[in-house]
């Protein structure tokens, strides 16, 4: 029998699976950034197929190919780089917003994402002013370490919250709705 609790927990589990897969792709990107050691690794990184799995990497590659960085070009690039996984994540976030706005874990996750955006943005801006390849590699490695650390914490939060939702979903499955028929008067 379909109940509101079953739909609620099922939707949250699907949303957490999407967010978890996004965190895993960012961890893979962060590890590959941490492994950059020299000039050849920087350009070999650009040829890796998984470099386009994350929104951040697609946006950086798009920005590198722009002839000039204007506000309009950046906004158009930000919209053009949205992939299907980000679209699904935003869809689930909009659907589940009412239930997620009250949780401390949601606040912690959003705070970590804001920190990640500021760290990556700051490191990217400082990387634009690098004069040597060694300084660029150090900044890439720092960005990779911060991406891995933040997304690992996010993945642990998602895993814990998913465990709680699966437990509550199993509890919601234990109850069957009983249909009550009215007695017809003769």
N, C-alpha and C. Protein backbone atom coordinates (compact mmCIF):
# COMPACT_ATOMS: atom_id res chain seq x y z
N UNK A 1 0.85 -1.16 0.00
CA UNK A 1 0.00 0.00 0.00
C UNK A 1 0.90 1.24 0.00
N UNK A 2 0.53 2.19 -0.80
CA UNK A 2 1.28 3.42 -0.92
C UNK A 2 0.83 4.41 0.15
N UNK A 3 1.79 4.88 0.94
CA UNK A 3 1.46 5.87 1.96
C UNK A 3 2.38 7.07 1.80
N UNK A 4 2.04 8.15 2.48
CA UNK A 4 2.84 9.37 2.41
C UNK A 4 4.24 9.15 2.97
N UNK A 5 4.36 8.39 4.06
CA UNK A 5 5.67 8.13 4.66
C UNK A 5 6.58 7.36 3.70
N UNK A 6 6.02 6.38 3.01
CA UNK A 6 6.83 5.60 2.07
C UNK A 6 7.34 6.48 0.94
N UNK A 7 6.47 7.32 0.39
CA UNK A 7 6.89 8.22 -0.69
C UNK A 7 7.93 9.21 -0.19
N UNK A 8 7.73 9.72 1.00
CA UNK A 8 8.63 10.70 1.59
C UNK A 8 10.03 10.11 1.75
N UNK A 9 10.12 8.97 2.40
CA UNK A 9 11.42 8.36 2.64
C UNK A 9 12.05 7.86 1.35
N UNK A 10 11.26 7.33 0.44
CA UNK A 10 11.79 6.88 -0.85
C UNK A 10 12.38 8.02 -1.66
N UNK A 11 11.69 9.16 -1.67
CA UNK A 11 12.20 10.33 -2.39
C UNK A 11 13.49 10.85 -1.76
N UNK A 12 13.53 10.88 -0.44
CA UNK A 12 14.77 11.34 0.23
C UNK A 12 15.93 10.39 -0.04
N UNK A 13 15.66 9.10 -0.09
CA UNK A 13 16.74 8.13 -0.37
C UNK A 13 17.27 8.33 -1.78
N UNK A 14 16.37 8.56 -2.75
CA UNK A 14 16.81 8.82 -4.13
C UNK A 14 17.63 10.11 -4.20
N UNK A 15 17.18 11.15 -3.51
CA UNK A 15 17.89 12.42 -3.50
C UNK A 15 19.29 12.25 -2.89
N UNK A 16 19.37 11.52 -1.80
CA UNK A 16 20.67 11.30 -1.16
C UNK A 16 21.60 10.47 -2.04
N UNK A 17 21.04 9.55 -2.81
CA UNK A 17 21.86 8.77 -3.74
C UNK A 17 22.44 9.67 -4.84
N UNK A 18 21.63 10.61 -5.33
CA UNK A 18 22.13 11.55 -6.34
C UNK A 18 23.22 12.44 -5.74
N UNK A 19 22.98 12.99 -4.55
CA UNK A 19 23.98 13.84 -3.90
C UNK A 19 25.25 13.05 -3.58
N UNK A 20 25.09 11.80 -3.17
CA UNK A 20 26.25 10.95 -2.89
C UNK A 20 27.08 10.69 -4.14
N UNK A 21 26.41 10.46 -5.27
CA UNK A 21 27.16 10.23 -6.51
C UNK A 21 27.90 11.49 -6.96
N UNK A 22 27.30 12.65 -6.72
CA UNK A 22 28.00 13.91 -7.03
C UNK A 22 29.23 14.06 -6.14
N UNK A 23 29.09 13.75 -4.85
CA UNK A 23 30.23 13.85 -3.93
C UNK A 23 31.34 12.88 -4.34
N UNK A 24 30.98 11.69 -4.79
CA UNK A 24 32.00 10.72 -5.23
C UNK A 24 32.75 11.23 -6.45
N UNK A 25 32.03 11.83 -7.40
CA UNK A 25 32.73 12.36 -8.59
C UNK A 25 33.68 13.49 -8.21
N UNK A 26 33.30 14.31 -7.22
CA UNK A 26 34.21 15.37 -6.78
C UNK A 26 35.40 14.80 -6.03
N UNK A 27 35.22 13.72 -5.30
CA UNK A 27 36.36 13.09 -4.63
C UNK A 27 37.34 12.55 -5.67
N UNK A 28 36.81 11.95 -6.73
CA UNK A 28 37.68 11.44 -7.81
C UNK A 28 38.45 12.60 -8.44
N UNK A 29 37.76 13.71 -8.69
CA UNK A 29 38.44 14.89 -9.25
C UNK A 29 39.51 15.41 -8.30
N UNK A 30 39.19 15.48 -7.00
CA UNK A 30 40.14 15.98 -6.02
C UNK A 30 41.38 15.10 -5.92
N UNK A 31 41.19 13.80 -5.95
CA UNK A 31 42.34 12.88 -5.90
C UNK A 31 43.21 13.06 -7.13
N UNK A 32 42.57 13.22 -8.29
CA UNK A 32 43.38 13.40 -9.51
C UNK A 32 44.12 14.74 -9.49
N UNK A 33 43.52 15.77 -8.88
CA UNK A 33 44.24 17.05 -8.74
C UNK A 33 45.40 16.93 -7.76
N UNK A 34 45.23 16.13 -6.72
CA UNK A 34 46.31 15.94 -5.75
C UNK A 34 47.50 15.20 -6.35
N UNK A 35 47.25 14.39 -7.37
CA UNK A 35 48.31 13.57 -7.96
C UNK A 35 49.09 14.30 -9.05
N UNK A 36 48.73 15.55 -9.34
CA UNK A 36 49.47 16.32 -10.34
C UNK A 36 50.85 16.66 -9.76
N UNK A 37 51.90 16.29 -10.49
CA UNK A 37 53.27 16.51 -9.99
C UNK A 37 54.12 17.38 -10.92
N UNK A 38 53.86 17.30 -12.23
CA UNK A 38 54.71 18.05 -13.15
C UNK A 38 53.90 18.51 -14.36
N UNK A 39 54.60 19.09 -15.32
CA UNK A 39 54.01 19.68 -16.51
C UNK A 39 53.19 18.65 -17.28
N UNK A 40 53.73 17.45 -17.44
CA UNK A 40 53.04 16.41 -18.21
C UNK A 40 51.74 15.99 -17.52
N UNK A 41 51.75 15.91 -16.19
CA UNK A 41 50.54 15.54 -15.46
C UNK A 41 49.42 16.56 -15.62
N UNK A 42 49.77 17.84 -15.71
CA UNK A 42 48.76 18.89 -15.87
C UNK A 42 48.00 18.68 -17.17
N UNK A 43 48.72 18.44 -18.25
CA UNK A 43 48.06 18.27 -19.54
C UNK A 43 47.47 16.88 -19.71
N UNK A 44 48.03 15.87 -19.02
CA UNK A 44 47.42 14.55 -19.04
C UNK A 44 46.08 14.57 -18.30
N UNK A 45 45.99 15.43 -17.28
CA UNK A 45 44.74 15.57 -16.53
C UNK A 45 43.62 16.09 -17.42
N UNK A 46 43.96 16.99 -18.34
CA UNK A 46 42.95 17.54 -19.24
C UNK A 46 42.41 16.49 -20.22
N UNK A 47 43.20 15.43 -20.48
CA UNK A 47 42.78 14.39 -21.40
C UNK A 47 42.00 13.26 -20.73
N UNK A 48 41.92 13.26 -19.41
CA UNK A 48 41.21 12.21 -18.70
C UNK A 48 39.71 12.30 -18.98
N UNK A 49 39.05 11.16 -19.19
CA UNK A 49 37.61 11.22 -19.50
C UNK A 49 36.76 11.66 -18.31
N UNK A 50 37.21 11.40 -17.10
CA UNK A 50 36.40 11.74 -15.93
C UNK A 50 36.52 13.22 -15.54
N UNK A 51 37.33 13.97 -16.25
CA UNK A 51 37.48 15.39 -15.92
C UNK A 51 36.18 16.14 -16.19
N UNK A 52 35.34 15.63 -17.07
CA UNK A 52 34.08 16.31 -17.39
C UNK A 52 32.91 15.80 -16.55
N UNK A 53 33.17 14.98 -15.57
CA UNK A 53 32.09 14.46 -14.73
C UNK A 53 31.56 15.51 -13.76
N UNK A 54 32.38 16.46 -13.39
CA UNK A 54 31.97 17.43 -12.38
C UNK A 54 31.70 18.79 -13.01
N UNK A 55 30.78 19.49 -12.39
CA UNK A 55 30.40 20.82 -12.86
C UNK A 55 31.58 21.79 -12.77
N UNK A 56 32.32 21.71 -11.68
CA UNK A 56 33.46 22.60 -11.48
C UNK A 56 34.50 22.44 -12.58
N UNK A 57 34.81 21.20 -12.93
CA UNK A 57 35.82 20.96 -13.96
C UNK A 57 35.32 21.43 -15.34
N UNK A 58 34.04 21.17 -15.62
CA UNK A 58 33.49 21.64 -16.90
C UNK A 58 33.53 23.16 -16.99
N UNK A 59 33.23 23.82 -15.87
CA UNK A 59 33.23 25.28 -15.84
C UNK A 59 34.65 25.84 -16.02
N UNK A 60 35.63 25.21 -15.39
CA UNK A 60 37.02 25.66 -15.55
C UNK A 60 37.49 25.45 -16.99
N UNK A 61 37.16 24.31 -17.57
CA UNK A 61 37.54 24.06 -18.96
C UNK A 61 36.86 25.05 -19.91
N UNK A 62 35.61 25.36 -19.63
CA UNK A 62 34.88 26.35 -20.43
C UNK A 62 35.52 27.74 -20.29
N UNK A 63 35.89 28.11 -19.06
CA UNK A 63 36.50 29.42 -18.83
C UNK A 63 37.87 29.52 -19.50
N UNK A 64 38.59 28.40 -19.53
CA UNK A 64 39.91 28.41 -20.18
C UNK A 64 39.78 28.64 -21.69
N UNK A 65 38.67 28.23 -22.26
CA UNK A 65 38.51 28.37 -23.71
C UNK A 65 37.89 29.71 -24.12
N UNK A 66 37.53 30.54 -23.14
CA UNK A 66 36.93 31.85 -23.45
C UNK A 66 38.01 32.84 -23.87
N UNK A 67 37.72 33.65 -24.89
CA UNK A 67 38.70 34.67 -25.27
C UNK A 67 38.79 35.81 -24.27
N UNK A 68 37.65 36.14 -23.64
CA UNK A 68 37.66 37.19 -22.61
C UNK A 68 36.67 36.82 -21.52
N UNK A 69 37.03 37.15 -20.29
CA UNK A 69 36.16 36.84 -19.15
C UNK A 69 35.32 38.07 -18.81
N UNK A 70 34.08 38.04 -19.28
CA UNK A 70 33.13 39.08 -18.91
C UNK A 70 32.03 38.45 -18.08
N UNK A 71 31.27 39.27 -17.39
CA UNK A 71 30.20 38.75 -16.54
C UNK A 71 29.18 37.95 -17.37
N UNK A 72 28.82 38.46 -18.52
CA UNK A 72 27.86 37.77 -19.38
C UNK A 72 28.37 36.42 -19.86
N UNK A 73 29.65 36.37 -20.25
CA UNK A 73 30.24 35.10 -20.69
C UNK A 73 30.29 34.08 -19.55
N UNK A 74 30.58 34.55 -18.35
CA UNK A 74 30.66 33.65 -17.21
C UNK A 74 29.28 33.07 -16.89
N UNK A 75 28.25 33.91 -16.92
CA UNK A 75 26.88 33.42 -16.63
C UNK A 75 26.44 32.43 -17.70
N UNK A 76 26.69 32.74 -18.96
CA UNK A 76 26.33 31.82 -20.04
C UNK A 76 27.07 30.50 -19.89
N UNK A 77 28.35 30.56 -19.53
CA UNK A 77 29.13 29.34 -19.32
C UNK A 77 28.61 28.54 -18.14
N UNK A 78 28.22 29.23 -17.08
CA UNK A 78 27.69 28.53 -15.91
C UNK A 78 26.41 27.77 -16.28
N UNK A 79 25.58 28.36 -17.09
CA UNK A 79 24.35 27.68 -17.50
C UNK A 79 24.63 26.58 -18.51
N UNK A 80 25.58 26.80 -19.39
CA UNK A 80 25.90 25.80 -20.41
C UNK A 80 26.55 24.56 -19.81
N UNK A 81 27.25 24.72 -18.70
CA UNK A 81 27.98 23.60 -18.10
C UNK A 81 27.13 22.71 -17.21
N UNK A 82 25.87 23.07 -16.99
CA UNK A 82 25.02 22.24 -16.14
C UNK A 82 24.75 20.91 -16.84
N UNK A 83 25.06 19.83 -16.16
CA UNK A 83 24.85 18.49 -16.70
C UNK A 83 23.57 17.88 -16.17
N UNK A 84 23.30 16.66 -16.60
CA UNK A 84 22.04 16.01 -16.19
C UNK A 84 22.04 15.68 -14.71
N UNK A 85 23.21 15.35 -14.15
CA UNK A 85 23.26 15.00 -12.73
C UNK A 85 22.99 16.22 -11.85
N UNK A 86 23.52 17.36 -12.24
CA UNK A 86 23.23 18.58 -11.49
C UNK A 86 21.76 18.97 -11.63
N UNK A 87 21.20 18.77 -12.81
CA UNK A 87 19.78 19.07 -13.02
C UNK A 87 18.91 18.20 -12.13
N UNK A 88 19.23 16.90 -12.05
CA UNK A 88 18.47 15.99 -11.18
C UNK A 88 18.64 16.38 -9.72
N UNK A 89 19.85 16.78 -9.32
CA UNK A 89 20.10 17.19 -7.94
C UNK A 89 19.28 18.43 -7.58
N UNK A 90 19.24 19.40 -8.47
CA UNK A 90 18.44 20.60 -8.21
C UNK A 90 16.96 20.25 -8.17
N UNK A 91 16.52 19.35 -9.04
CA UNK A 91 15.12 18.90 -9.05
C UNK A 91 14.75 18.29 -7.70
N UNK A 92 15.58 17.39 -7.19
CA UNK A 92 15.30 16.77 -5.90
C UNK A 92 15.39 17.78 -4.76
N UNK A 93 16.33 18.71 -4.85
CA UNK A 93 16.45 19.72 -3.80
C UNK A 93 15.21 20.61 -3.75
N UNK A 94 14.64 20.92 -4.91
CA UNK A 94 13.42 21.72 -4.94
C UNK A 94 12.25 20.93 -4.37
N UNK A 95 12.15 19.66 -4.74
CA UNK A 95 11.06 18.81 -4.25
C UNK A 95 11.14 18.64 -2.74
N UNK A 96 12.34 18.41 -2.23
CA UNK A 96 12.51 18.08 -0.81
C UNK A 96 12.87 19.28 0.04
N UNK A 97 12.76 20.48 -0.48
CA UNK A 97 13.19 21.66 0.26
C UNK A 97 12.48 21.81 1.59
N UNK A 98 11.17 21.63 1.61
CA UNK A 98 10.40 21.83 2.86
C UNK A 98 10.86 20.91 3.97
N UNK A 99 11.20 19.68 3.62
CA UNK A 99 11.61 18.74 4.66
C UNK A 99 13.06 18.92 5.06
N UNK A 100 13.89 19.44 4.16
CA UNK A 100 15.32 19.57 4.45
C UNK A 100 15.69 20.87 5.15
N UNK A 101 14.83 21.88 5.05
CA UNK A 101 15.19 23.17 5.61
C UNK A 101 15.26 23.17 7.13
N UNK A 102 14.68 22.17 7.77
CA UNK A 102 14.64 22.13 9.23
C UNK A 102 15.77 21.33 9.87
N UNK A 103 16.61 20.70 9.08
CA UNK A 103 17.61 19.80 9.63
C UNK A 103 18.97 20.48 9.77
N UNK A 104 19.66 20.15 10.85
CA UNK A 104 21.00 20.68 11.07
C UNK A 104 21.99 20.11 10.07
N UNK A 105 21.77 18.86 9.65
CA UNK A 105 22.67 18.25 8.68
C UNK A 105 22.60 19.00 7.35
N UNK A 106 21.44 19.50 6.99
CA UNK A 106 21.31 20.28 5.76
C UNK A 106 22.12 21.57 5.87
N UNK A 107 22.03 22.23 7.02
CA UNK A 107 22.81 23.45 7.24
C UNK A 107 24.30 23.15 7.17
N UNK A 108 24.73 22.06 7.79
CA UNK A 108 26.15 21.70 7.78
C UNK A 108 26.62 21.39 6.36
N UNK A 109 25.80 20.67 5.60
CA UNK A 109 26.15 20.35 4.22
C UNK A 109 26.24 21.59 3.34
N UNK A 110 25.28 22.49 3.49
CA UNK A 110 25.31 23.73 2.71
C UNK A 110 26.49 24.61 3.11
N UNK A 111 26.81 24.64 4.40
CA UNK A 111 27.97 25.40 4.86
C UNK A 111 29.25 24.84 4.25
N UNK A 112 29.38 23.51 4.21
CA UNK A 112 30.56 22.90 3.60
C UNK A 112 30.64 23.23 2.11
N UNK A 113 29.49 23.23 1.42
CA UNK A 113 29.51 23.57 0.00
C UNK A 113 29.91 25.02 -0.24
N UNK A 114 29.44 25.92 0.62
CA UNK A 114 29.82 27.32 0.50
C UNK A 114 31.31 27.49 0.75
N UNK A 115 31.83 26.80 1.76
CA UNK A 115 33.27 26.85 2.02
C UNK A 115 34.05 26.32 0.82
N UNK A 116 33.57 25.22 0.23
CA UNK A 116 34.25 24.64 -0.93
C UNK A 116 34.24 25.62 -2.11
N UNK A 117 33.12 26.29 -2.34
CA UNK A 117 33.05 27.26 -3.44
C UNK A 117 34.04 28.41 -3.20
N UNK A 118 34.09 28.92 -1.97
CA UNK A 118 35.02 30.02 -1.70
C UNK A 118 36.48 29.58 -1.78
N UNK A 119 36.79 28.40 -1.28
CA UNK A 119 38.17 27.91 -1.35
C UNK A 119 38.57 27.69 -2.81
N UNK A 120 37.73 27.01 -3.57
CA UNK A 120 38.06 26.74 -4.97
C UNK A 120 38.11 28.03 -5.78
N UNK A 121 37.19 28.95 -5.51
CA UNK A 121 37.22 30.23 -6.21
C UNK A 121 38.46 31.03 -5.88
N UNK A 122 38.83 31.08 -4.60
CA UNK A 122 40.03 31.80 -4.20
C UNK A 122 41.29 31.19 -4.76
N UNK A 123 41.37 29.87 -4.73
CA UNK A 123 42.55 29.20 -5.28
C UNK A 123 42.60 29.39 -6.80
N UNK A 124 41.44 29.35 -7.46
CA UNK A 124 41.41 29.57 -8.91
C UNK A 124 41.87 30.98 -9.27
N UNK A 125 41.41 31.96 -8.50
CA UNK A 125 41.84 33.33 -8.76
C UNK A 125 43.34 33.51 -8.51
N UNK A 126 43.85 32.88 -7.46
CA UNK A 126 45.28 32.99 -7.22
C UNK A 126 46.08 32.20 -8.26
N UNK A 127 45.48 31.14 -8.82
CA UNK A 127 46.18 30.37 -9.85
C UNK A 127 46.30 31.17 -11.15
N UNK A 128 45.37 32.09 -11.38
CA UNK A 128 45.45 32.92 -12.58
C UNK A 128 46.66 33.84 -12.56
N UNK A 129 47.12 34.17 -11.36
CA UNK A 129 48.27 35.09 -11.26
C UNK A 129 49.59 34.36 -11.06
N UNK A 130 49.60 33.06 -11.20
CA UNK A 130 50.85 32.30 -11.04
C UNK A 130 51.82 32.62 -12.17
N UNK A 131 53.07 32.74 -11.81
CA UNK A 131 54.09 33.01 -12.82
C UNK A 131 54.91 31.77 -13.16
N UNK A 132 54.88 30.77 -12.30
CA UNK A 132 55.62 29.54 -12.58
C UNK A 132 54.67 28.35 -12.56
N UNK A 133 55.09 27.31 -13.24
CA UNK A 133 54.29 26.10 -13.29
C UNK A 133 54.26 25.41 -11.92
N UNK A 134 55.34 25.51 -11.18
CA UNK A 134 55.41 24.91 -9.85
C UNK A 134 54.38 25.53 -8.92
N UNK A 135 54.20 26.85 -8.98
CA UNK A 135 53.20 27.53 -8.15
C UNK A 135 51.80 27.09 -8.56
N UNK A 136 51.55 26.91 -9.86
CA UNK A 136 50.25 26.43 -10.33
C UNK A 136 49.97 25.02 -9.83
N UNK A 137 50.97 24.17 -9.87
CA UNK A 137 50.80 22.79 -9.41
C UNK A 137 50.50 22.76 -7.91
N UNK A 138 51.16 23.59 -7.13
CA UNK A 138 50.90 23.66 -5.69
C UNK A 138 49.45 24.09 -5.44
N UNK A 139 48.97 25.05 -6.20
CA UNK A 139 47.58 25.50 -6.02
C UNK A 139 46.59 24.42 -6.46
N UNK A 140 46.89 23.71 -7.52
CA UNK A 140 46.02 22.60 -7.96
C UNK A 140 45.97 21.51 -6.89
N UNK A 141 47.13 21.19 -6.32
CA UNK A 141 47.16 20.17 -5.27
C UNK A 141 46.38 20.62 -4.04
N UNK A 142 46.51 21.89 -3.66
CA UNK A 142 45.75 22.41 -2.52
C UNK A 142 44.25 22.35 -2.80
N UNK A 143 43.86 22.72 -4.02
CA UNK A 143 42.45 22.65 -4.39
C UNK A 143 41.97 21.20 -4.34
N UNK A 144 42.77 20.28 -4.81
CA UNK A 144 42.41 18.86 -4.78
C UNK A 144 42.24 18.35 -3.36
N UNK A 145 43.17 18.74 -2.47
CA UNK A 145 43.07 18.30 -1.08
C UNK A 145 41.83 18.86 -0.40
N UNK A 146 41.52 20.12 -0.67
CA UNK A 146 40.32 20.71 -0.05
C UNK A 146 39.05 20.07 -0.62
N UNK A 147 39.03 19.78 -1.91
CA UNK A 147 37.86 19.12 -2.51
C UNK A 147 37.68 17.73 -1.91
N UNK A 148 38.76 16.99 -1.76
CA UNK A 148 38.66 15.64 -1.19
C UNK A 148 38.19 15.72 0.26
N UNK A 149 38.75 16.61 1.05
CA UNK A 149 38.38 16.70 2.47
C UNK A 149 36.92 17.09 2.64
N UNK A 150 36.48 18.12 1.94
CA UNK A 150 35.11 18.60 2.11
C UNK A 150 34.11 17.58 1.59
N UNK A 151 34.38 16.99 0.44
CA UNK A 151 33.42 16.03 -0.11
C UNK A 151 33.43 14.70 0.62
N UNK A 152 34.52 14.37 1.27
CA UNK A 152 34.52 13.17 2.13
C UNK A 152 33.63 13.40 3.34
N UNK A 153 33.72 14.58 3.93
CA UNK A 153 32.83 14.91 5.06
C UNK A 153 31.38 14.91 4.59
N UNK A 154 31.13 15.51 3.42
CA UNK A 154 29.76 15.50 2.87
C UNK A 154 29.27 14.08 2.62
N UNK A 155 30.14 13.22 2.10
CA UNK A 155 29.74 11.84 1.83
C UNK A 155 29.41 11.10 3.12
N UNK A 156 30.16 11.37 4.18
CA UNK A 156 29.86 10.75 5.49
C UNK A 156 28.51 11.26 6.00
N UNK A 157 28.26 12.57 5.88
CA UNK A 157 26.95 13.10 6.28
C UNK A 157 25.82 12.49 5.47
N UNK A 158 26.02 12.39 4.17
CA UNK A 158 25.00 11.80 3.30
C UNK A 158 24.78 10.34 3.66
N UNK A 159 25.86 9.62 3.90
CA UNK A 159 25.72 8.21 4.28
C UNK A 159 24.98 8.03 5.59
N UNK A 160 25.29 8.85 6.57
CA UNK A 160 24.60 8.77 7.86
C UNK A 160 23.12 9.09 7.70
N UNK A 161 22.83 10.16 6.97
CA UNK A 161 21.44 10.57 6.77
C UNK A 161 20.68 9.53 5.95
N UNK A 162 21.36 8.92 4.96
CA UNK A 162 20.73 7.87 4.15
C UNK A 162 20.44 6.64 5.00
N UNK A 163 21.36 6.29 5.89
CA UNK A 163 21.14 5.16 6.80
C UNK A 163 19.89 5.40 7.64
N UNK A 164 19.75 6.61 8.17
CA UNK A 164 18.56 6.94 8.97
C UNK A 164 17.29 6.87 8.14
N UNK A 165 17.35 7.32 6.89
CA UNK A 165 16.16 7.29 6.04
C UNK A 165 15.78 5.87 5.65
N UNK A 166 16.77 5.03 5.40
CA UNK A 166 16.47 3.62 5.06
C UNK A 166 15.83 2.93 6.25
N UNK A 167 16.36 3.23 7.44
CA UNK A 167 15.77 2.65 8.65
C UNK A 167 14.32 3.10 8.83
N UNK A 168 14.06 4.37 8.62
CA UNK A 168 12.70 4.88 8.75
C UNK A 168 11.80 4.39 7.61
N UNK A 169 12.38 4.18 6.43
CA UNK A 169 11.61 3.64 5.30
C UNK A 169 11.19 2.20 5.60
N UNK A 170 12.11 1.42 6.16
CA UNK A 170 11.77 0.04 6.54
C UNK A 170 10.69 0.03 7.61
N UNK A 171 10.75 1.00 8.52
CA UNK A 171 9.71 1.13 9.54
C UNK A 171 8.37 1.48 8.90
N UNK A 172 8.38 2.36 7.90
CA UNK A 172 7.14 2.74 7.22
C UNK A 172 6.58 1.58 6.41
N UNK A 173 7.44 0.68 5.94
CA UNK A 173 6.97 -0.49 5.19
C UNK A 173 6.29 -1.51 6.09
N UNK A 174 6.58 -1.46 7.37
CA UNK A 174 6.04 -2.45 8.30
C UNK A 174 4.56 -2.27 8.54
N UNK A 175 4.03 -1.11 8.23
CA UNK A 175 2.62 -0.84 8.48
C UNK A 175 1.82 -0.97 7.20
N UNK A 176 0.72 -1.65 7.30
CA UNK A 176 -0.20 -1.79 6.18
C UNK A 176 -1.42 -0.93 6.47
N UNK A 177 -1.87 -0.26 5.45
CA UNK A 177 -3.08 0.53 5.60
C UNK A 177 -4.29 -0.40 5.48
N UNK A 178 -5.25 -0.16 6.30
CA UNK A 178 -6.45 -0.98 6.30
C UNK A 178 -7.57 -0.16 5.68
N UNK A 179 -8.22 -0.77 4.72
CA UNK A 179 -9.33 -0.08 4.07
C UNK A 179 -10.59 -0.32 4.88
N UNK A 180 -11.26 0.72 5.24
CA UNK A 180 -12.48 0.62 6.03
C UNK A 180 -13.66 0.87 5.11
N UNK A 181 -14.53 -0.09 5.04
CA UNK A 181 -15.73 0.06 4.21
C UNK A 181 -16.90 0.44 5.09
N UNK A 182 -17.67 1.33 4.58
CA UNK A 182 -18.87 1.73 5.31
C UNK A 182 -19.97 0.71 5.07
N UNK A 183 -20.70 0.44 6.09
CA UNK A 183 -21.82 -0.47 5.95
C UNK A 183 -22.95 0.24 5.22
N UNK A 184 -23.46 -0.41 4.22
CA UNK A 184 -24.56 0.18 3.48
C UNK A 184 -25.86 -0.10 4.22
N UNK A 185 -26.68 0.91 4.28
CA UNK A 185 -27.97 0.73 4.94
C UNK A 185 -28.92 0.06 3.97
N UNK A 186 -29.66 -0.87 4.45
CA UNK A 186 -30.59 -1.61 3.59
C UNK A 186 -31.97 -1.04 3.65
